[in-house]
PDB file of N, CA and C in Angstrom:
ATOM      1  N   MET A   1     190.998 -20.243 231.917  1.00  0.00           N
ATOM      2  CA  MET A   1     189.820 -19.169 232.251  1.00  0.00           C
ATOM      3  C   MET A   1     188.794 -20.620 232.780  1.00  0.00           C
ATOM      4  N   HIS A   2     188.904 -21.379 232.802  1.00  0.00           N
ATOM      5  CA  HIS A   2     188.307 -22.055 233.550  1.00  0.00           C
ATOM      6  C   HIS A   2     188.497 -21.597 234.775  1.00  0.00           C
ATOM      7  N   ARG A   3     190.065 -21.892 235.226  1.00  0.00           N
ATOM      8  CA  ARG A   3     190.161 -21.489 236.699  1.00  0.00           C
ATOM      9  C   ARG A   3     189.864 -20.045 236.943  1.00  0.00           C
ATOM     10  N   MET A   4     189.963 -19.327 236.421  1.00  0.00           N
ATOM     11  CA  MET A   4     189.683 -17.951 236.276  1.00  0.00           C
ATOM     12  C   MET A   4     188.138 -17.569 237.255  1.00  0.00           C
ATOM     13  N   ASN A   5     187.291 -18.500 236.477  1.00  0.00           N
ATOM     14  CA  ASN A   5     186.035 -18.530 236.950  1.00  0.00           C
ATOM     15  C   ASN A   5     185.553 -19.266 238.225  1.00  0.00           C
ATOM     16  N   LYS A   6     186.286 -20.407 238.265  1.00  0.00           N
ATOM     17  CA  LYS A   6     185.918 -20.584 239.440  1.00  0.00           C
ATOM     18  C   LYS A   6     186.358 -20.355 240.311  1.00  0.00           C
ATOM     19  N   PHE A   7     187.354 -19.328 240.565  1.00  0.00           N
ATOM     20  CA  PHE A   7     188.408 -19.031 241.192  1.00  0.00           C
ATOM     21  C   PHE A   7     187.344 -17.610 241.918  1.00  0.00           C
ATOM     22  N   LEU A   8     187.300 -16.506 240.998  1.00  0.00           N
ATOM     23  CA  LEU A   8     185.751 -15.461 240.717  1.00  0.00           C
ATOM     24  C   LEU A   8     184.478 -16.556 241.354  1.00  0.00           C
ATOM     25  N   GLY A   9     183.922 -17.465 241.024  1.00  0.00           N
ATOM     26  CA  GLY A   9     183.052 -17.773 242.064  1.00  0.00           C
ATOM     27  C   GLY A   9     182.797 -18.143 243.448  1.00  0.00           C
ATOM     28  N   SER A  10     184.268 -18.571 243.698  1.00  0.00           N
ATOM     29  CA  SER A  10     184.439 -18.627 245.213  1.00  0.00           C
ATOM     30  C   SER A  10     184.981 -17.947 246.313  1.00  0.00           C
ATOM     31  N   LEU A  11     185.198 -16.325 245.035  1.00  0.00           N
ATOM     32  CA  LEU A  11     184.994 -14.819 245.844  1.00  0.00           C
ATOM     33  C   LEU A  11     184.291 -14.226 245.736  1.00  0.00           C
ATOM     34  N   LEU A  12     182.832 -14.493 245.080  1.00  0.00           N
ATOM     35  CA  LEU A  12     181.819 -14.199 245.168  1.00  0.00           C
ATOM     36  C   LEU A  12     180.671 -14.515 246.915  1.00  0.00           C
ATOM     37  N   LEU A  13     180.973 -16.522 246.273  1.00  0.00           N
ATOM     38  CA  LEU A  13     180.680 -17.030 247.532  1.00  0.00           C
ATOM     39  C   LEU A  13     180.806 -16.854 248.615  1.00  0.00           C
ATOM     40  N   GLY A  14     182.028 -16.306 248.949  1.00  0.00           N
ATOM     41  CA  GLY A  14     182.489 -16.254 250.535  1.00  0.00           C
ATOM     42  C   GLY A  14     182.061 -14.639 250.881  1.00  0.00           C
ATOM     43  N   ILE A  15     182.136 -13.604 250.046  1.00  0.00           N
ATOM     44  CA  ILE A  15     181.586 -12.159 250.251  1.00  0.00           C
ATOM     45  C   ILE A  15     179.909 -12.014 250.591  1.00  0.00           C
ATOM     46  N   GLY A  16     179.579 -13.116 249.933  1.00  0.00           N
ATOM     47  CA  GLY A  16     178.052 -13.351 250.188  1.00  0.00           C
ATOM     48  C   GLY A  16     178.259 -14.103 251.532  1.00  0.00           C
ATOM     49  N   LEU A  17     178.454 -14.552 251.532  1.00  0.00           N
ATOM     50  CA  LEU A  17     178.472 -15.796 252.816  1.00  0.00           C
ATOM     51  C   LEU A  17     178.954 -14.701 254.424  1.00  0.00           C
ATOM     52  N   PHE A  18     179.989 -13.901 254.394  1.00  0.00           N
ATOM     53  CA  PHE A  18     180.593 -12.912 255.484  1.00  0.00           C
ATOM     54  C   PHE A  18     179.899 -11.997 255.057  1.00  0.00           C
ATOM     55  N   ALA A  19     179.545 -11.032 254.249  1.00  0.00           N
ATOM     56  CA  ALA A  19     179.328  -9.930 254.452  1.00  0.00           C
ATOM     57  C   ALA A  19     177.589  -9.329 256.031  1.00  0.00           C
ATOM     58  N   PRO A  20     176.279 -10.711 255.332  1.00  0.00           N
ATOM     59  CA  PRO A  20     175.647 -10.179 256.485  1.00  0.00           C
ATOM     60  C   PRO A  20     176.570 -10.060 257.916  1.00  0.00           C
ATOM     61  N   VAL A  21     177.169 -11.013 258.408  1.00  0.00           N
ATOM     62  CA  VAL A  21     178.496 -11.220 259.686  1.00  0.00           C
ATOM     63  C   VAL A  21     178.435  -9.722 260.061  1.00  0.00           C
ATOM     64  N   GLY A  22     179.738  -9.386 258.677  1.00  0.00           N
ATOM     65  CA  GLY A  22     180.209  -7.872 258.987  1.00  0.00           C
ATOM     66  C   GLY A  22     179.178  -6.714 259.159  1.00  0.00           C
ATOM     67  N   ILE A  23     178.633  -7.105 258.678  1.00  0.00           N
ATOM     68  CA  ILE A  23     177.149  -5.997 258.741  1.00  0.00           C
ATOM     69  C   ILE A  23     176.433  -6.306 260.059  1.00  0.00           C
ATOM     70  N   GLN A  24     176.345  -6.759 261.050  1.00  0.00           N
ATOM     71  CA  GLN A  24     175.937  -7.612 261.997  1.00  0.00           C
ATOM     72  C   GLN A  24     176.767  -7.139 262.955  1.00  0.00           C
ATOM     73  N   ALA A  25     178.259  -6.650 262.460  1.00  0.00           N
ATOM     74  CA  ALA A  25     179.302  -6.523 263.845  1.00  0.00           C
ATOM     75  C   ALA A  25     178.918  -4.852 263.809  1.00  0.00           C
ATOM     76  N   ALA A  26     179.501  -4.324 262.940  1.00  0.00           N
ATOM     77  CA  ALA A  26     179.408  -2.737 262.666  1.00  0.00           C
ATOM     78  C   ALA A  26     177.956  -2.267 263.271  1.00  0.00           C
ATOM     79  N   ASN A  27     177.110  -3.012 263.328  1.00  0.00           N
ATOM     80  CA  ASN A  27     175.531  -2.614 264.020  1.00  0.00           C
ATOM     81  C   ASN A  27     176.096  -2.677 265.719  1.00  0.00           C
ATOM     82  N   ASN A  28     176.639  -3.628 266.146  1.00  0.00           N
ATOM     83  CA  ASN A  28     177.100  -3.313 267.175  1.00  0.00           C
ATOM     84  C   ASN A  28     177.882  -1.769 268.013  1.00  0.00           C
ATOM     85  N   PHE A  29     178.550  -1.681 267.091  1.00  0.00           N
ATOM     86  CA  PHE A  29     179.221  -0.529 267.611  1.00  0.00           C
ATOM     87  C   PHE A  29     178.335   0.876 267.448  1.00  0.00           C
ATOM     88  N   ARG A  30     177.076   0.832 267.138  1.00  0.00           N
ATOM     89  CA  ARG A  30     176.564   1.948 266.850  1.00  0.00           C
ATOM     90  C   ARG A  30     175.958   2.450 268.611  1.00  0.00           C
ATOM     91  N   ASP A  31     175.649   4.100 268.905  1.00  0.00           N
ATOM     92  CA  ASP A  31     175.273   4.584 269.798  1.00  0.00           C
ATOM     93  C   ASP A  31     174.032   5.143 270.100  1.00  0.00           C
ATOM     94  N   ASP A  32     173.678   3.369 270.981  1.00  0.00           N
ATOM     95  CA  ASP A  32     172.362   3.523 271.333  1.00  0.00           C
ATOM     96  C   ASP A  32     171.820   3.546 272.422  1.00  0.00           C
ATOM     97  N   ARG A  33     172.483   4.808 273.162  1.00  0.00           N
ATOM     98  CA  ARG A  33     172.932   5.563 274.795  1.00  0.00           C
ATOM     99  C   ARG A  33     171.426   6.193 274.034  1.00  0.00           C
ATOM    100  N   TYR A  34     170.488   6.695 273.146  1.00  0.00           N
ATOM    101  CA  TYR A  34     169.997   7.303 272.491  1.00  0.00           C
ATOM    102  C   TYR A  34     169.064   7.032 271.865  1.00  0.00           C
ATOM    103  N   GLN A  35     168.892   5.875 271.685  1.00  0.00           N
ATOM    104  CA  GLN A  35     167.168   4.619 271.441  1.00  0.00           C
ATOM    105  C   GLN A  35     166.269   5.085 271.896  1.00  0.00           C
ATOM    106  N   GLU A  36     165.280   5.393 271.057  1.00  0.00           N
ATOM    107  CA  GLU A  36     163.912   6.037 272.093  1.00  0.00           C
ATOM    108  C   GLU A  36     163.406   4.885 272.439  1.00  0.00           C
ATOM    109  N   ARG A  37     163.053   5.161 273.315  1.00  0.00           N
ATOM    110  CA  ARG A  37     162.159   4.244 274.140  1.00  0.00           C
ATOM    111  C   ARG A  37     160.991   4.957 274.832  1.00  0.00           C
ATOM    112  N   ARG A  38     160.342   4.477 275.837  1.00  0.00           N
ATOM    113  CA  ARG A  38     159.420   4.839 276.128  1.00  0.00           C
ATOM    114  C   ARG A  38     158.925   4.773 277.829  1.00  0.00           C
ATOM    115  N   TYR A  39     158.173   5.705 278.185  1.00  0.00           N
ATOM    116  CA  TYR A  39     158.230   5.005 279.727  1.00  0.00           C
ATOM    117  C   TYR A  39     156.513   5.483 280.245  1.00  0.00           C
ATOM    118  N   TYR A  40     156.289   4.853 280.914  1.00  0.00           N
ATOM    119  CA  TYR A  40     155.109   4.914 281.371  1.00  0.00           C
ATOM    120  C   TYR A  40     155.043   5.641 282.633  1.00  0.00           C
ATOM    121  N   ASP A  41     153.969   6.944 283.093  1.00  0.00           N
ATOM    122  CA  ASP A  41     154.423   7.733 283.705  1.00  0.00           C
ATOM    123  C   ASP A  41     152.601   7.572 284.493  1.00  0.00           C
ATOM    124  N   ARG A  42     152.767   6.828 285.699  1.00  0.00           N
ATOM    125  CA  ARG A  42     151.496   5.964 286.138  1.00  0.00           C
ATOM    126  C   ARG A  42     150.663   7.034 287.254  1.00  0.00           C
ATOM    127  N   ASP A  43     151.548   8.104 287.434  1.00  0.00           N
ATOM    128  CA  ASP A  43     150.758   8.991 288.198  1.00  0.00           C
ATOM    129  C   ASP A  43     149.783   9.834 287.518  1.00  0.00           C
ATOM    130  N   TYR A  44     150.191  10.159 286.220  1.00  0.00           N
ATOM    131  CA  TYR A  44     149.956  11.314 285.244  1.00  0.00           C
ATOM    132  C   TYR A  44     149.436  10.302 283.843  1.00  0.00           C
ATOM    133  N   ARG A  45     149.066   8.592 283.960  1.00  0.00           N
ATOM    134  CA  ARG A  45     148.500   8.213 282.995  1.00  0.00           C
ATOM    135  C   ARG A  45     148.871   8.250 281.379  1.00  0.00           C
ATOM    136  N   ASP A  46     150.103   8.377 281.232  1.00  0.00           N
ATOM    137  CA  ASP A  46     150.757   8.895 280.527  1.00  0.00           C
ATOM    138  C   ASP A  46     152.020   8.663 280.025  1.00  0.00           C
ATOM    139  N   TYR A  47     152.298   8.344 278.224  1.00  0.00           N
ATOM    140  CA  TYR A  47     153.581   7.801 278.081  1.00  0.00           C
ATOM    141  C   TYR A  47     154.705   9.189 277.816  1.00  0.00           C
ATOM    142  N   HIS A  48     156.163   8.459 278.282  1.00  0.00           N
ATOM    143  CA  HIS A  48     157.058   9.626 277.550  1.00  0.00           C
ATOM    144  C   HIS A  48     157.970   9.059 276.691  1.00  0.00           C
ATOM    145  N   ARG A  49     158.322   9.757 275.852  1.00  0.00           N
ATOM    146  CA  ARG A  49     159.188   9.170 274.612  1.00  0.00           C
ATOM    147  C   ARG A  49     160.335   9.797 275.086  1.00  0.00           C
ATOM    148  N   TRP A  50     161.462   9.091 275.119  1.00  0.00           N
ATOM    149  CA  TRP A  50     162.970   9.011 276.056  1.00  0.00           C
ATOM    150  C   TRP A  50     163.460   8.952 274.910  1.00  0.00           C
ATOM    151  N   ASP A  51     163.861  10.049 274.880  1.00  0.00           N
ATOM    152  CA  ASP A  51     165.352  10.356 273.580  1.00  0.00           C
ATOM    153  C   ASP A  51     166.020  11.510 273.693  1.00  0.00           C
ATOM    154  N   ARG A  52     166.888  12.203 273.114  1.00  0.00           N
ATOM    155  CA  ARG A  52     168.225  13.190 273.443  1.00  0.00           C
ATOM    156  C   ARG A  52     167.803  14.148 273.756  1.00  0.00           C
ATOM    157  N   ARG A  53     166.404  14.225 273.548  1.00  0.00           N
ATOM    158  CA  ARG A  53     166.047  15.568 274.169  1.00  0.00           C
ATOM    159  C   ARG A  53     165.931  15.438 276.059  1.00  0.00           C
ATOM    160  N   GLU A  54     165.310  14.341 275.915  1.00  0.00           N
ATOM    161  CA  GLU A  54     164.445  14.264 277.199  1.00  0.00           C
ATOM    162  C   GLU A  54     165.682  13.826 278.204  1.00  0.00           C
ATOM    163  N   ASP A  55     167.055  13.296 277.321  1.00  0.00           N
ATOM    164  CA  ASP A  55     168.344  13.134 278.151  1.00  0.00           C
ATOM    165  C   ASP A  55     168.573  14.155 278.329  1.00  0.00           C
ATOM    166  N   ASP A  56     168.694  14.934 277.539  1.00  0.00           N
ATOM    167  CA  ASP A  56     169.070  16.536 278.018  1.00  0.00           C
ATOM    168  C   ASP A  56     168.606  17.163 279.303  1.00  0.00           C
ATOM    169  N   ARG A  57     167.141  16.862 279.589  1.00  0.00           N
ATOM    170  CA  ARG A  57     166.511  17.632 280.502  1.00  0.00           C
ATOM    171  C   ARG A  57     166.056  16.547 281.728  1.00  0.00           C
ATOM    172  N   TYR A  58     166.745  15.506 281.622  1.00  0.00           N
ATOM    173  CA  TYR A  58     167.182  14.854 282.956  1.00  0.00           C
ATOM    174  C   TYR A  58     168.389  14.912 283.410  1.00  0.00           C
ATOM    175  N   ARG A  59     169.280  15.382 282.528  1.00  0.00           N
ATOM    176  CA  ARG A  59     170.809  16.125 282.797  1.00  0.00           C
ATOM    177  C   ARG A  59     170.597  17.401 283.886  1.00  0.00           C
ATOM    178  N   HIS A  60     169.689  18.286 282.879  1.00  0.00           N
ATOM    179  CA  HIS A  60     169.153  19.955 284.207  1.00  0.00           C
ATOM    180  C   HIS A  60     168.863  19.063 285.222  1.00  0.00           C
ATOM    181  N   TRP A  61     168.274  18.862 285.469  1.00  0.00           N
ATOM    182  CA  TRP A  61     167.006  17.756 286.705  1.00  0.00           C
ATOM    183  C   TRP A  61     167.795  17.536 287.619  1.00  0.00           C
ATOM    184  N   GLY A  62     169.138  16.625 287.190  1.00  0.00           N
ATOM    185  CA  GLY A  62     169.959  16.010 287.970  1.00  0.00           C
ATOM    186  C   GLY A  62     171.090  17.274 288.677  1.00  0.00           C
ATOM    187  N   SER A  63     171.085  18.061 287.586  1.00  0.00           N
ATOM    188  CA  SER A  63     172.436  19.261 287.989  1.00  0.00           C
ATOM    189  C   SER A  63     171.695  19.729 289.101  1.00  0.00           C
ATOM    190  N   GLU A  64     170.234  20.180 289.144  1.00  0.00           N
ATOM    191  CA  GLU A  64     169.627  21.485 289.788  1.00  0.00           C
ATOM    192  C   GLU A  64     169.421  20.746 291.359  1.00  0.00           C
ATOM    193  N   ARG A  65     169.241  19.357 291.450  1.00  0.00           N
ATOM    194  CA  ARG A  65     168.967  18.555 292.617  1.00  0.00           C
ATOM    195  C   ARG A  65     170.603  18.649 293.046  1.00  0.00           C
ATOM    196  N   HIS A  66     172.023  18.614 292.362  1.00  0.00           N
ATOM    197  CA  HIS A  66     172.873  18.726 292.597  1.00  0.00           C
ATOM    198  C   HIS A  66     173.147  17.229 293.213  1.00  0.00           C
ATOM    199  N   GLU A  67     172.693  16.035 292.309  1.00  0.00           N
ATOM    200  CA  GLU A  67     172.978  14.828 292.058  1.00  0.00           C
ATOM    201  C   GLU A  67     174.037  13.860 290.932  1.00  0.00           C
ATOM    202  N   VAL A  68     174.811  13.186 291.391  1.00  0.00           N
ATOM    203  CA  VAL A  68     175.934  12.236 290.225  1.00  0.00           C
ATOM    204  C   VAL A  68     174.967  12.053 289.443  1.00  0.00           C
ATOM    205  N   TYR A  69     175.519  11.672 287.696  1.00  0.00           N
ATOM    206  CA  TYR A  69     174.343  11.538 286.907  1.00  0.00           C
ATOM    207  C   TYR A  69     174.706   9.652 287.043  1.00  0.00           C
ATOM    208  N   ARG A  70     172.819   9.420 287.456  1.00  0.00           N
ATOM    209  CA  ARG A  70     172.803   7.912 286.710  1.00  0.00           C
ATOM    210  C   ARG A  70     171.728   7.621 286.179  1.00  0.00           C
ATOM    211  N   PRO A  71     172.158   6.699 285.089  1.00  0.00           N
ATOM    212  CA  PRO A  71     170.862   6.258 283.728  1.00  0.00           C
ATOM    213  C   PRO A  71     169.672   6.480 284.068  1.00  0.00           C
ATOM    214  N   PHE A  72     168.524   6.947 283.871  1.00  0.00           N
ATOM    215  CA  PHE A  72     167.353   7.183 284.395  1.00  0.00           C
ATOM    216  C   PHE A  72     166.394   5.628 284.580  1.00  0.00           C
ATOM    217  N   TYR A  73     167.136   4.957 283.832  1.00  0.00           N
ATOM    218  CA  TYR A  73     166.669   3.426 284.275  1.00  0.00           C
ATOM    219  C   TYR A  73     167.218   2.619 285.385  1.00  0.00           C
ATOM    220  N   ARG A  74     168.397   3.130 285.963  1.00  0.00           N
ATOM    221  CA  ARG A  74     168.609   3.089 287.176  1.00  0.00           C
ATOM    222  C   ARG A  74     168.128   3.820 288.193  1.00  0.00           C
ATOM    223  N   LEU A  75     167.014   4.291 288.315  1.00  0.00           N
ATOM    224  CA  LEU A  75     166.962   5.313 289.241  1.00  0.00           C
ATOM    225  C   LEU A  75     165.599   4.406 290.024  1.00  0.00           C
ATOM    226  N   ASP A  76     165.886   4.040 291.558  1.00  0.00           N
ATOM    227  CA  ASP A  76     164.150   3.896 291.973  1.00  0.00           C
ATOM    228  C   ASP A  76     162.915   4.286 291.406  1.00  0.00           C
ATOM    229  N   ARG A  77     161.968   3.537 291.715  1.00  0.00           N
ATOM    230  CA  ARG A  77     161.019   4.096 291.428  1.00  0.00           C
ATOM    231  C   ARG A  77     160.219   5.685 291.535  1.00  0.00           C
ATOM    232  N   ALA A  78     160.586   5.702 293.201  1.00  0.00           N
ATOM    233  CA  ALA A  78     160.221   7.135 293.435  1.00  0.00           C
ATOM    234  C   ALA A  78     161.189   8.174 293.035  1.00  0.00           C
ATOM    235  N   GLN A  79     162.661   7.713 292.712  1.00  0.00           N
ATOM    236  CA  GLN A  79     163.178   9.406 291.784  1.00  0.00           C
ATOM    237  C   GLN A  79     162.084   9.230 290.583  1.00  0.00           C
ATOM    238  N   GLN A  80     162.360   8.466 289.413  1.00  0.00           N
ATOM    239  CA  GLN A  80     161.706   8.246 288.603  1.00  0.00           C
ATOM    240  C   GLN A  80     160.147   8.976 288.938  1.00  0.00           C
ATOM    241  N   ARG A  81     159.389   8.906 289.416  1.00  0.00           N
ATOM    242  CA  ARG A  81     158.129   9.627 289.166  1.00  0.00           C
ATOM    243  C   ARG A  81     158.361  11.054 289.942  1.00  0.00           C
ATOM    244  N   ALA A  82     159.485  10.950 290.690  1.00  0.00           N
ATOM    245  CA  ALA A  82     160.009  12.936 290.980  1.00  0.00           C
ATOM    246  C   ALA A  82     160.344  13.033 289.774  1.00  0.00           C
ATOM    247  N   TYR A  83     161.096  12.661 288.575  1.00  0.00           N
ATOM    248  CA  TYR A  83     161.221  13.300 287.486  1.00  0.00           C
ATOM    249  C   TYR A  83     160.578  14.254 287.072  1.00  0.00           C
ATOM    250  N   TRP A  84     159.112  12.535 286.503  1.00  0.00           N
ATOM    251  CA  TRP A  84     158.077  12.887 286.058  1.00  0.00           C
ATOM    252  C   TRP A  84     157.688  14.143 286.305  1.00  0.00           C
ATOM    253  N   ARG A  85     157.175  14.099 287.764  1.00  0.00           N
ATOM    254  CA  ARG A  85     156.872  15.428 288.644  1.00  0.00           C
ATOM    255  C   ARG A  85     157.048  17.007 287.719  1.00  0.00           C
ATOM    256  N   TYR A  86     158.443  16.766 287.852  1.00  0.00           N
ATOM    257  CA  TYR A  86     159.285  17.803 287.725  1.00  0.00           C
ATOM    258  C   TYR A  86     158.828  18.024 286.334  1.00  0.00           C
ATOM    259  N   ARG A  87     159.006  17.193 284.998  1.00  0.00           N
ATOM    260  CA  ARG A  87     158.452  17.762 284.028  1.00  0.00           C
ATOM    261  C   ARG A  87     157.571  17.702 283.539  1.00  0.00           C
ATOM    262  N   HIS A  88     156.445  17.205 284.191  1.00  0.00           N
ATOM    263  CA  HIS A  88     154.976  17.654 283.766  1.00  0.00           C
ATOM    264  C   HIS A  88     154.647  19.312 284.778  1.00  0.00           C
ATOM    265  N   GLU A  89     156.083  19.693 285.536  1.00  0.00           N
ATOM    266  CA  GLU A  89     155.481  20.938 285.956  1.00  0.00           C
ATOM    267  C   GLU A  89     156.352  22.095 285.484  1.00  0.00           C
ATOM    268  N   HIS A  90     157.293  21.466 284.183  1.00  0.00           N
ATOM    269  CA  HIS A  90     158.390  22.351 283.843  1.00  0.00           C
ATOM    270  C   HIS A  90     157.803  21.974 282.081  1.00  0.00           C
ATOM    271  N   PRO A  91     156.988  21.822 281.753  1.00  0.00           N
ATOM    272  CA  PRO A  91     157.227  21.214 280.128  1.00  0.00           C
ATOM    273  C   PRO A  91     157.744  22.655 279.233  1.00  0.00           C
ATOM    274  N   ASP A  92     158.494  21.589 278.020  1.00  0.00           N
ATOM    275  CA  ASP A  92     158.925  22.156 277.089  1.00  0.00           C
ATOM    276  C   ASP A  92     157.892  22.887 275.873  1.00  0.00           C
ATOM    277  N   ARG A  93     158.071  23.844 274.880  1.00  0.00           N
ATOM    278  CA  ARG A  93     157.387  23.499 274.012  1.00  0.00           C
ATOM    279  C   ARG A  93     157.518  22.017 272.863  1.00  0.00           C
ATOM    280  N   TYR A  94     158.754  21.413 273.011  1.00  0.00           N
ATOM    281  CA  TYR A  94     158.163  20.149 272.231  1.00  0.00           C
ATOM    282  C   TYR A  94     157.747  19.218 272.777  1.00  0.00           C
ATOM    283  N   ASP A  95     157.294  19.327 274.802  1.00  0.00           N
ATOM    284  CA  ASP A  95     156.099  18.296 275.062  1.00  0.00           C
ATOM    285  C   ASP A  95     154.967  18.617 274.154  1.00  0.00           C
ATOM    286  N   ARG A  96     155.259  17.452 273.251  1.00  0.00           N
ATOM    287  CA  ARG A  96     153.667  17.094 272.349  1.00  0.00           C
ATOM    288  C   ARG A  96     153.173  15.415 272.776  1.00  0.00           C
ATOM    289  N   ARG A  97     152.501  15.417 274.123  1.00  0.00           N
ATOM    290  CA  ARG A  97     153.053  13.553 273.765  1.00  0.00           C
ATOM    291  C   ARG A  97     150.880  13.242 273.597  1.00  0.00           C
TER     292      ARG A  97
END
């Protein structure tokens, strides 16, 4: 009986020590491409939320311009400003900033 209690105690201690490591490893595999970010638009002095919907609009804008997709944060400042200008000229019903 003493041996089984010692085994169960060791097992529970091991689970308690390694569970946070397993949870953290699982979080590293999440899809964070659409993790919400905010971008400041200097021309219009407002913030824009970057989420899945905004990413879809950005892809549409790029396809209209016949450009190869590049993540928004990799564009130079002039291209980002051109995109925000387009978004202000073409708002959707979800644009409540």
